[in-house]
Amino acid sequence: MSAMNVKIDKFYGRNSFGLWHIKMKALLKQQSLWAPLSKDKGGDAAEMATFEEKAHSTILLCLEDEVIIEVSDQTTVAGLWKKLKSLYMTKSLQKKLLLKRRLFALRMQPDTRLKDHLDQLNSILLDLRNIDVKVEDEDAALLLLVSLPQSYENFVESFIVNKDKVTLEEVRSTLHSRELRRQVGDTATDNQAAGLVASGSNELRHSNNRNKRLFSKGPKPDDICNYSEDDIKSEHDVALVAGGDTHAFDVWVLDTGASYHMCPRR
């Protein structure tokens, strides 16, 4: 069986190293190249040398140029892996400050998809866990609620009412349900609008001959009802305009397609 062709996004120094680290480890294992980085390095020396070379090359190919420059002095896969972790998974105070600042400043923009916003939050939380910074679950849930835009204000208020505790998973699940209902509602509205347009066009086409037959002439030979042949044949949507004053008998309802006019008087 041929190996599955798997690609991961390259790490360029500003995206989540924690997420890239997990994917890179999974990729090496999927391609049977994890042995040089595992504690158990037993096996044929020539085979291990091949694994070492392939694993080293695979990691480099998953890095952008600016990151490769920083680790280009590492010729072994173990050295390369260790240096990447020391550069981007450091537990320094500066790193903690940077990640916490990103977490507390996180805001969902009006044109951002909910999924993308949740992915960004999860990425920050993952990077914090990788440097042993624990964010309490309820704190993460409240930060997510605070990060939502003004359009979610009613949702947030109704969600927290009569609650003493809240979990991040609960907030995520409720947001996903809300998004699903919104998408279903939008689809139903679009279908209904399309149906109304089609119905209006069909009604206009079917009324052409009837209008000619009923309204082309009045009861006397000299009574002629003028209408627009071109407008009746138009397949544009029907629009009704009503005009009138305080006298009900003077009210006219006009069809802009000139297919019919209505008035209480005969």
C-alpha atoms as a PDB file:
ATOM      1  CA  MET A   1       0.000   0.000   0.000  1.00  0.00           C
ATOM      2  CA  SER A   2       1.416   3.403  -0.992  1.00  0.00           C
ATOM      3  CA  ALA A   3       1.986   5.971   1.727  1.00  0.00           C
ATOM      4  CA  MET A   4      -0.655   8.650   2.144  1.00  0.00           C
ATOM      5  CA  ASN A   5       0.403  12.025   0.798  1.00  0.00           C
ATOM      6  CA  VAL A   6      -0.009  14.339   3.793  1.00  0.00           C
ATOM      7  CA  LYS A   7       0.920  18.013   3.876  1.00  0.00           C
ATOM      8  CA  ILE A   8       0.896  20.458   6.769  1.00  0.00           C
ATOM      9  CA  ASP A   9       1.145  24.233   6.835  1.00  0.00           C
ATOM     10  CA  LYS A  10       4.700  25.485   7.110  1.00  0.00           C
ATOM     11  CA  PHE A  11       5.825  27.088  10.350  1.00  0.00           C
ATOM     12  CA  TYR A  12       6.973  30.661   9.755  1.00  0.00           C
ATOM     13  CA  GLY A  13       7.599  31.843  13.312  1.00  0.00           C
ATOM     14  CA  ARG A  14       4.359  33.717  13.900  1.00  0.00           C
ATOM     15  CA  ASN A  15       1.771  30.987  13.566  1.00  0.00           C
ATOM     16  CA  SER A  16       1.149  28.514  16.390  1.00  0.00           C
ATOM     17  CA  PHE A  17       4.259  26.451  17.044  1.00  0.00           C
ATOM     18  CA  GLY A  18       2.325  24.220  19.440  1.00  0.00           C
ATOM     19  CA  LEU A  19      -0.127  23.220  16.712  1.00  0.00           C
ATOM     20  CA  TRP A  20       2.631  22.809  14.125  1.00  0.00           C
ATOM     21  CA  HIS A  21       4.633  20.697  16.606  1.00  0.00           C
ATOM     22  CA  ILE A  22       1.713  18.279  17.039  1.00  0.00           C
ATOM     23  CA  LYS A  23       1.142  17.995  13.284  1.00  0.00           C
ATOM     24  CA  MET A  24       4.856  17.556  12.559  1.00  0.00           C
ATOM     25  CA  LYS A  25       5.159  14.768  15.098  1.00  0.00           C
ATOM     26  CA  ALA A  26       2.113  13.033  13.607  1.00  0.00           C
ATOM     27  CA  LEU A  27       3.555  13.378  10.100  1.00  0.00           C
ATOM     28  CA  LEU A  28       6.894  11.832  11.087  1.00  0.00           C
ATOM     29  CA  LYS A  29       5.099   8.924  12.739  1.00  0.00           C
ATOM     30  CA  GLN A  30       2.801   8.462   9.760  1.00  0.00           C
ATOM     31  CA  GLN A  31       5.854   8.213   7.487  1.00  0.00           C
ATOM     32  CA  SER A  32       7.676   5.877   9.927  1.00  0.00           C
ATOM     33  CA  LEU A  33      10.384   8.496  10.558  1.00  0.00           C
ATOM     34  CA  TRP A  34       9.887   9.056  14.275  1.00  0.00           C
ATOM     35  CA  ALA A  35      12.468   6.474  15.366  1.00  0.00           C
ATOM     36  CA  PRO A  36      15.473   8.879  15.357  1.00  0.00           C
ATOM     37  CA  LEU A  37      13.610  11.115  17.847  1.00  0.00           C
ATOM     38  CA  SER A  38      12.276   8.358  20.072  1.00  0.00           C
ATOM     39  CA  LYS A  39      14.019   6.986  23.138  1.00  0.00           C
ATOM     40  CA  ASP A  40      14.242   3.544  21.576  1.00  0.00           C
ATOM     41  CA  LYS A  41      16.726   3.888  18.721  1.00  0.00           C
ATOM     42  CA  GLY A  42      17.480   0.227  18.297  1.00  0.00           C
ATOM     43  CA  GLY A  43      17.730  -1.381  14.876  1.00  0.00           C
ATOM     44  CA  ASP A  44      20.022  -1.614  11.919  1.00  0.00           C
ATOM     45  CA  ALA A  45      22.559   1.236  11.826  1.00  0.00           C
ATOM     46  CA  ALA A  46      22.231   1.786   8.085  1.00  0.00           C
ATOM     47  CA  GLU A  47      18.450   1.837   8.332  1.00  0.00           C
ATOM     48  CA  MET A  48      18.553   4.315  11.213  1.00  0.00           C
ATOM     49  CA  ALA A  49      20.897   6.568   9.223  1.00  0.00           C
ATOM     50  CA  THR A  50      18.357   6.614   6.396  1.00  0.00           C
ATOM     51  CA  PHE A  51      15.539   7.444   8.814  1.00  0.00           C
ATOM     52  CA  GLU A  52      17.678  10.207  10.343  1.00  0.00           C
ATOM     53  CA  GLU A  53      18.334  11.810   6.975  1.00  0.00           C
ATOM     54  CA  LYS A  54      14.709  11.599   5.825  1.00  0.00           C
ATOM     55  CA  ALA A  55      13.310  12.933   9.108  1.00  0.00           C
ATOM     56  CA  HIS A  56      15.730  15.871   9.068  1.00  0.00           C
ATOM     57  CA  SER A  57      14.754  16.743   5.488  1.00  0.00           C
ATOM     58  CA  THR A  58      11.033  16.372   6.183  1.00  0.00           C
ATOM     59  CA  ILE A  59      11.150  18.832   9.080  1.00  0.00           C
ATOM     60  CA  LEU A  60      13.124  21.391   7.066  1.00  0.00           C
ATOM     61  CA  LEU A  61      10.615  21.186   4.211  1.00  0.00           C
ATOM     62  CA  CYS A  62       7.862  22.110   6.673  1.00  0.00           C
ATOM     63  CA  LEU A  63       9.609  25.344   7.699  1.00  0.00           C
ATOM     64  CA  GLU A  64       9.627  28.732   6.007  1.00  0.00           C
ATOM     65  CA  ASP A  65      12.942  30.261   4.957  1.00  0.00           C
ATOM     66  CA  GLU A  66      13.213  32.695   7.878  1.00  0.00           C
ATOM     67  CA  VAL A  67      12.914  29.817  10.352  1.00  0.00           C
ATOM     68  CA  ILE A  68      15.308  27.569   8.425  1.00  0.00           C
ATOM     69  CA  ILE A  69      17.961  30.283   8.674  1.00  0.00           C
ATOM     70  CA  GLU A  70      17.714  30.169  12.474  1.00  0.00           C
ATOM     71  CA  VAL A  71      18.242  26.389  12.644  1.00  0.00           C
ATOM     72  CA  SER A  72      20.491  25.826   9.629  1.00  0.00           C
ATOM     73  CA  ASP A  73      23.428  24.954  11.890  1.00  0.00           C
ATOM     74  CA  GLN A  74      21.668  21.802  13.131  1.00  0.00           C
ATOM     75  CA  THR A  75      22.731  18.804  11.061  1.00  0.00           C
ATOM     76  CA  THR A  76      20.963  16.088  13.060  1.00  0.00           C
ATOM     77  CA  VAL A  77      17.230  15.632  13.423  1.00  0.00           C
ATOM     78  CA  ALA A  78      17.504  15.522  17.228  1.00  0.00           C
ATOM     79  CA  GLY A  79      19.445  18.795  17.293  1.00  0.00           C
ATOM     80  CA  LEU A  80      17.019  20.421  14.863  1.00  0.00           C
ATOM     81  CA  TRP A  81      13.974  19.328  16.887  1.00  0.00           C
ATOM     82  CA  LYS A  82      15.520  20.507  20.153  1.00  0.00           C
ATOM     83  CA  LYS A  83      16.482  23.927  18.821  1.00  0.00           C
ATOM     84  CA  LEU A  84      13.036  24.553  17.381  1.00  0.00           C
ATOM     85  CA  LYS A  85      11.502  23.808  20.765  1.00  0.00           C
ATOM     86  CA  SER A  86      13.999  26.036  22.554  1.00  0.00           C
ATOM     87  CA  LEU A  87      13.264  28.928  20.191  1.00  0.00           C
ATOM     88  CA  TYR A  88       9.492  28.709  19.987  1.00  0.00           C
ATOM     89  CA  MET A  89       8.391  26.699  23.000  1.00  0.00           C
ATOM     90  CA  THR A  90      10.414  28.595  25.560  1.00  0.00           C
ATOM     91  CA  LYS A  91       8.898  29.161  28.986  1.00  0.00           C
ATOM     92  CA  SER A  92      10.365  32.617  29.383  1.00  0.00           C
ATOM     93  CA  LEU A  93       8.435  35.418  31.019  1.00  0.00           C
ATOM     94  CA  GLN A  94       8.495  37.335  27.745  1.00  0.00           C
ATOM     95  CA  LYS A  95       6.775  34.456  25.931  1.00  0.00           C
ATOM     96  CA  LYS A  96       4.131  34.167  28.647  1.00  0.00           C
ATOM     97  CA  LEU A  97       3.473  37.899  28.491  1.00  0.00           C
ATOM     98  CA  LEU A  98       3.134  37.829  24.705  1.00  0.00           C
ATOM     99  CA  LEU A  99       0.661  34.947  24.680  1.00  0.00           C
ATOM    100  CA  LYS A 100      -1.426  36.322  27.543  1.00  0.00           C
ATOM    101  CA  ARG A 101      -1.563  39.699  25.837  1.00  0.00           C
ATOM    102  CA  ARG A 102      -2.852  38.003  22.688  1.00  0.00           C
ATOM    103  CA  LEU A 103      -5.423  36.089  24.728  1.00  0.00           C
ATOM    104  CA  PHE A 104      -6.784  39.105  26.601  1.00  0.00           C
ATOM    105  CA  ALA A 105      -6.809  41.309  23.487  1.00  0.00           C
ATOM    106  CA  LEU A 106      -8.551  38.722  21.316  1.00  0.00           C
ATOM    107  CA  ARG A 107     -11.647  40.183  19.630  1.00  0.00           C
ATOM    108  CA  MET A 108     -13.835  38.746  16.914  1.00  0.00           C
ATOM    109  CA  GLN A 109     -14.214  41.154  13.999  1.00  0.00           C
ATOM    110  CA  PRO A 110     -17.674  41.507  12.375  1.00  0.00           C
ATOM    111  CA  ASP A 111     -16.464  39.969   9.101  1.00  0.00           C
ATOM    112  CA  THR A 112     -14.688  37.032  10.800  1.00  0.00           C
ATOM    113  CA  ARG A 113     -16.240  33.568  10.665  1.00  0.00           C
ATOM    114  CA  LEU A 114     -17.085  32.027  14.023  1.00  0.00           C
ATOM    115  CA  LYS A 115     -14.996  28.936  13.221  1.00  0.00           C
ATOM    116  CA  ASP A 116     -11.916  31.044  12.471  1.00  0.00           C
ATOM    117  CA  HIS A 117     -12.337  32.959  15.727  1.00  0.00           C
ATOM    118  CA  LEU A 118     -12.623  29.758  17.778  1.00  0.00           C
ATOM    119  CA  ASP A 119      -9.579  28.316  16.000  1.00  0.00           C
ATOM    120  CA  GLN A 120      -7.578  31.402  16.944  1.00  0.00           C
ATOM    121  CA  LEU A 121      -8.607  31.100  20.590  1.00  0.00           C
ATOM    122  CA  ASN A 122      -7.777  27.381  20.668  1.00  0.00           C
ATOM    123  CA  SER A 123      -4.370  28.078  19.137  1.00  0.00           C
ATOM    124  CA  ILE A 124      -3.479  30.607  21.840  1.00  0.00           C
ATOM    125  CA  LEU A 125      -4.654  28.278  24.614  1.00  0.00           C
ATOM    126  CA  LEU A 126      -2.595  25.441  23.126  1.00  0.00           C
ATOM    127  CA  ASP A 127       0.560  27.574  23.014  1.00  0.00           C
ATOM    128  CA  LEU A 128       0.020  28.554  26.646  1.00  0.00           C
ATOM    129  CA  ARG A 129      -0.356  24.913  27.695  1.00  0.00           C
ATOM    130  CA  ASN A 130       2.865  24.052  25.892  1.00  0.00           C
ATOM    131  CA  ILE A 131       4.797  26.461  28.131  1.00  0.00           C
ATOM    132  CA  ASP A 132       3.005  25.218  31.249  1.00  0.00           C
ATOM    133  CA  VAL A 133       0.677  28.200  31.615  1.00  0.00           C
ATOM    134  CA  LYS A 134      -2.715  27.029  32.772  1.00  0.00           C
ATOM    135  CA  VAL A 135      -5.817  29.054  31.963  1.00  0.00           C
ATOM    136  CA  GLU A 136      -8.803  28.032  34.061  1.00  0.00           C
ATOM    137  CA  ASP A 137     -11.654  26.655  31.992  1.00  0.00           C
ATOM    138  CA  GLU A 138     -14.198  29.172  33.276  1.00  0.00           C
ATOM    139  CA  ASP A 139     -11.784  32.046  32.619  1.00  0.00           C
ATOM    140  CA  ALA A 140     -11.342  30.847  29.035  1.00  0.00           C
ATOM    141  CA  ALA A 141     -15.130  30.611  28.634  1.00  0.00           C
ATOM    142  CA  LEU A 142     -15.646  34.162  29.911  1.00  0.00           C
ATOM    143  CA  LEU A 143     -12.840  35.483  27.709  1.00  0.00           C
ATOM    144  CA  LEU A 144     -14.557  33.898  24.707  1.00  0.00           C
ATOM    145  CA  LEU A 145     -17.856  35.579  25.583  1.00  0.00           C
ATOM    146  CA  VAL A 146     -16.116  38.942  26.051  1.00  0.00           C
ATOM    147  CA  SER A 147     -14.374  38.580  22.684  1.00  0.00           C
ATOM    148  CA  LEU A 148     -17.647  38.339  20.735  1.00  0.00           C
ATOM    149  CA  PRO A 149     -18.801  41.406  18.742  1.00  0.00           C
ATOM    150  CA  GLN A 150     -21.791  43.649  19.452  1.00  0.00           C
ATOM    151  CA  SER A 151     -24.082  41.509  17.285  1.00  0.00           C
ATOM    152  CA  TYR A 152     -23.779  38.719  19.886  1.00  0.00           C
ATOM    153  CA  GLU A 153     -24.831  40.931  22.812  1.00  0.00           C
ATOM    154  CA  ASN A 154     -28.321  39.422  23.158  1.00  0.00           C
ATOM    155  CA  PHE A 155     -26.877  35.925  22.913  1.00  0.00           C
ATOM    156  CA  VAL A 156     -24.344  36.595  25.684  1.00  0.00           C
ATOM    157  CA  GLU A 157     -26.928  38.134  28.010  1.00  0.00           C
ATOM    158  CA  SER A 158     -29.399  35.273  27.557  1.00  0.00           C
ATOM    159  CA  PHE A 159     -26.639  32.676  27.873  1.00  0.00           C
ATOM    160  CA  ILE A 160     -25.297  33.814  31.255  1.00  0.00           C
ATOM    161  CA  VAL A 161     -28.651  34.592  32.891  1.00  0.00           C
ATOM    162  CA  ASN A 162     -29.312  32.457  36.002  1.00  0.00           C
ATOM    163  CA  LYS A 163     -25.908  30.733  35.642  1.00  0.00           C
ATOM    164  CA  ASP A 164     -23.379  30.422  38.463  1.00  0.00           C
ATOM    165  CA  LYS A 165     -20.767  28.562  36.404  1.00  0.00           C
ATOM    166  CA  VAL A 166     -19.920  28.196  32.771  1.00  0.00           C
ATOM    167  CA  THR A 167     -17.516  25.962  30.837  1.00  0.00           C
ATOM    168  CA  LEU A 168     -15.623  26.628  27.644  1.00  0.00           C
ATOM    169  CA  GLU A 169     -17.125  23.558  25.990  1.00  0.00           C
ATOM    170  CA  GLU A 170     -20.630  24.767  26.850  1.00  0.00           C
ATOM    171  CA  VAL A 171     -19.991  28.148  25.247  1.00  0.00           C
ATOM    172  CA  ARG A 172     -18.491  26.560  22.138  1.00  0.00           C
ATOM    173  CA  SER A 173     -21.377  24.115  21.764  1.00  0.00           C
ATOM    174  CA  THR A 174     -24.018  26.822  22.156  1.00  0.00           C
ATOM    175  CA  LEU A 175     -22.246  29.079  19.669  1.00  0.00           C
ATOM    176  CA  HIS A 176     -22.058  26.253  17.125  1.00  0.00           C
ATOM    177  CA  SER A 177     -25.789  25.557  17.570  1.00  0.00           C
ATOM    178  CA  ARG A 178     -26.585  29.246  17.106  1.00  0.00           C
ATOM    179  CA  GLU A 179     -24.472  29.403  13.954  1.00  0.00           C
ATOM    180  CA  LEU A 180     -26.162  26.287  12.545  1.00  0.00           C
ATOM    181  CA  ARG A 181     -29.636  27.730  13.162  1.00  0.00           C
ATOM    182  CA  ARG A 182     -28.598  30.970  11.490  1.00  0.00           C
ATOM    183  CA  GLN A 183     -27.305  29.139   8.413  1.00  0.00           C
ATOM    184  CA  VAL A 184     -30.484  27.050   8.157  1.00  0.00           C
ATOM    185  CA  GLY A 185     -32.582  30.210   8.517  1.00  0.00           C
ATOM    186  CA  ASP A 186     -30.616  32.012   5.798  1.00  0.00           C
ATOM    187  CA  THR A 187     -31.053  29.055   3.436  1.00  0.00           C
ATOM    188  CA  ALA A 188     -34.808  28.920   4.077  1.00  0.00           C
ATOM    189  CA  THR A 189     -35.133  32.670   3.481  1.00  0.00           C
ATOM    190  CA  ASP A 190     -33.206  32.462   0.201  1.00  0.00           C
ATOM    191  CA  ASN A 191     -35.377  29.574  -1.005  1.00  0.00           C
ATOM    192  CA  GLN A 192     -38.559  31.434  -0.079  1.00  0.00           C
ATOM    193  CA  ALA A 193     -37.420  34.567  -1.889  1.00  0.00           C
ATOM    194  CA  ALA A 194     -36.522  32.549  -4.993  1.00  0.00           C
ATOM    195  CA  GLY A 195     -39.955  30.922  -4.904  1.00  0.00           C
ATOM    196  CA  LEU A 196     -41.708  34.291  -4.709  1.00  0.00           C
ATOM    197  CA  VAL A 197     -39.754  35.638  -7.676  1.00  0.00           C
ATOM    198  CA  ALA A 198     -40.525  32.549  -9.762  1.00  0.00           C
ATOM    199  CA  SER A 199     -44.194  32.695  -8.775  1.00  0.00           C
ATOM    200  CA  GLY A 200     -44.454  36.362  -9.705  1.00  0.00           C
ATOM    201  CA  SER A 201     -42.855  35.796 -13.116  1.00  0.00           C
ATOM    202  CA  ASN A 202     -45.093  32.813 -13.893  1.00  0.00           C
ATOM    203  CA  GLU A 203     -48.206  34.700 -12.795  1.00  0.00           C
ATOM    204  CA  LEU A 204     -47.313  37.564 -15.090  1.00  0.00           C
ATOM    205  CA  ARG A 205     -46.749  35.281 -18.096  1.00  0.00           C
ATOM    206  CA  HIS A 206     -49.990  33.366 -17.566  1.00  0.00           C
ATOM    207  CA  SER A 207     -51.966  36.603 -17.311  1.00  0.00           C
ATOM    208  CA  ASN A 208     -50.884  37.992 -20.695  1.00  0.00           C
ATOM    209  CA  ASN A 209     -53.566  36.407 -22.863  1.00  0.00           C
ATOM    210  CA  ARG A 210     -56.251  36.832 -20.216  1.00  0.00           C
ATOM    211  CA  ASN A 211     -55.534  40.534 -19.911  1.00  0.00           C
ATOM    212  CA  LYS A 212     -55.705  41.043 -23.651  1.00  0.00           C
ATOM    213  CA  ARG A 213     -58.991  39.176 -23.857  1.00  0.00           C
ATOM    214  CA  LEU A 214     -60.682  40.887 -20.933  1.00  0.00           C
ATOM    215  CA  PHE A 215     -59.396  44.418 -21.097  1.00  0.00           C
ATOM    216  CA  SER A 216     -58.510  45.150 -24.710  1.00  0.00           C
ATOM    217  CA  LYS A 217     -62.004  46.518 -25.427  1.00  0.00           C
ATOM    218  CA  GLY A 218     -64.801  48.001 -23.382  1.00  0.00           C
ATOM    219  CA  PRO A 219     -68.548  47.337 -23.657  1.00  0.00           C
ATOM    220  CA  LYS A 220     -68.881  49.881 -26.487  1.00  0.00           C
ATOM    221  CA  PRO A 221     -66.956  49.935 -29.780  1.00  0.00           C
ATOM    222  CA  ASP A 222     -65.443  53.307 -28.908  1.00  0.00           C
ATOM    223  CA  ASP A 223     -64.251  52.209 -25.453  1.00  0.00           C
ATOM    224  CA  ILE A 224     -60.638  51.183 -25.804  1.00  0.00           C
ATOM    225  CA  CYS A 225     -58.341  50.265 -22.910  1.00  0.00           C
ATOM    226  CA  ASN A 226     -54.736  51.151 -23.687  1.00  0.00           C
ATOM    227  CA  TYR A 227     -52.014  48.858 -22.458  1.00  0.00           C
ATOM    228  CA  SER A 228     -48.358  48.301 -23.157  1.00  0.00           C
ATOM    229  CA  GLU A 229     -47.656  45.179 -25.206  1.00  0.00           C
ATOM    230  CA  ASP A 230     -43.937  45.283 -24.391  1.00  0.00           C
ATOM    231  CA  ASP A 231     -44.501  45.660 -20.672  1.00  0.00           C
ATOM    232  CA  ILE A 232     -46.876  42.709 -20.538  1.00  0.00           C
ATOM    233  CA  LYS A 233     -44.358  40.489 -22.280  1.00  0.00           C
ATOM    234  CA  SER A 234     -41.663  41.470 -19.824  1.00  0.00           C
ATOM    235  CA  GLU A 235     -40.636  38.712 -17.451  1.00  0.00           C
ATOM    236  CA  HIS A 236     -39.533  41.114 -14.751  1.00  0.00           C
ATOM    237  CA  ASP A 237     -40.987  40.828 -11.281  1.00  0.00           C
ATOM    238  CA  VAL A 238     -44.419  42.312 -10.724  1.00  0.00           C
ATOM    239  CA  ALA A 239     -44.519  45.439  -8.571  1.00  0.00           C
ATOM    240  CA  LEU A 240     -47.753  46.958  -7.303  1.00  0.00           C
ATOM    241  CA  VAL A 241     -48.187  50.655  -6.543  1.00  0.00           C
ATOM    242  CA  ALA A 242     -51.211  51.954  -4.656  1.00  0.00           C
ATOM    243  CA  GLY A 243     -52.164  55.610  -4.655  1.00  0.00           C
ATOM    244  CA  GLY A 244     -55.135  57.363  -3.148  1.00  0.00           C
ATOM    245  CA  ASP A 245     -56.557  60.010  -0.833  1.00  0.00           C
ATOM    246  CA  THR A 246     -59.187  60.126   1.880  1.00  0.00           C
ATOM    247  CA  HIS A 247     -61.995  59.144  -0.539  1.00  0.00           C
ATOM    248  CA  ALA A 248     -62.066  55.372  -0.749  1.00  0.00           C
ATOM    249  CA  PHE A 249     -63.889  55.435  -4.086  1.00  0.00           C
ATOM    250  CA  ASP A 250     -61.051  57.404  -5.658  1.00  0.00           C
ATOM    251  CA  VAL A 251     -58.368  54.832  -4.732  1.00  0.00           C
ATOM    252  CA  TRP A 252     -56.602  53.110  -7.613  1.00  0.00           C
ATOM    253  CA  VAL A 253     -54.321  50.086  -7.468  1.00  0.00           C
ATOM    254  CA  LEU A 254     -51.963  50.148 -10.424  1.00  0.00           C
ATOM    255  CA  ASP A 255     -49.934  47.275 -11.798  1.00  0.00           C
ATOM    256  CA  THR A 256     -46.659  48.605 -13.205  1.00  0.00           C
ATOM    257  CA  GLY A 257     -46.751  45.830 -15.781  1.00  0.00           C
ATOM    258  CA  ALA A 258     -49.968  47.407 -17.113  1.00  0.00           C
ATOM    259  CA  SER A 259     -51.678  44.029 -16.886  1.00  0.00           C
ATOM    260  CA  TYR A 260     -54.553  45.284 -14.739  1.00  0.00           C
ATOM    261  CA  HIS A 261     -55.821  48.288 -12.774  1.00  0.00           C
ATOM    262  CA  MET A 262     -58.378  48.177  -9.971  1.00  0.00           C
ATOM    263  CA  CYS A 263     -60.811  50.805  -8.731  1.00  0.00           C
ATOM    264  CA  PRO A 264     -64.089  50.447  -6.750  1.00  0.00           C
ATOM    265  CA  ARG A 265     -65.945  52.550  -9.323  1.00  0.00           C
ATOM    266  CA  ARG A 266     -67.291  51.017 -12.516  1.00  0.00           C
END
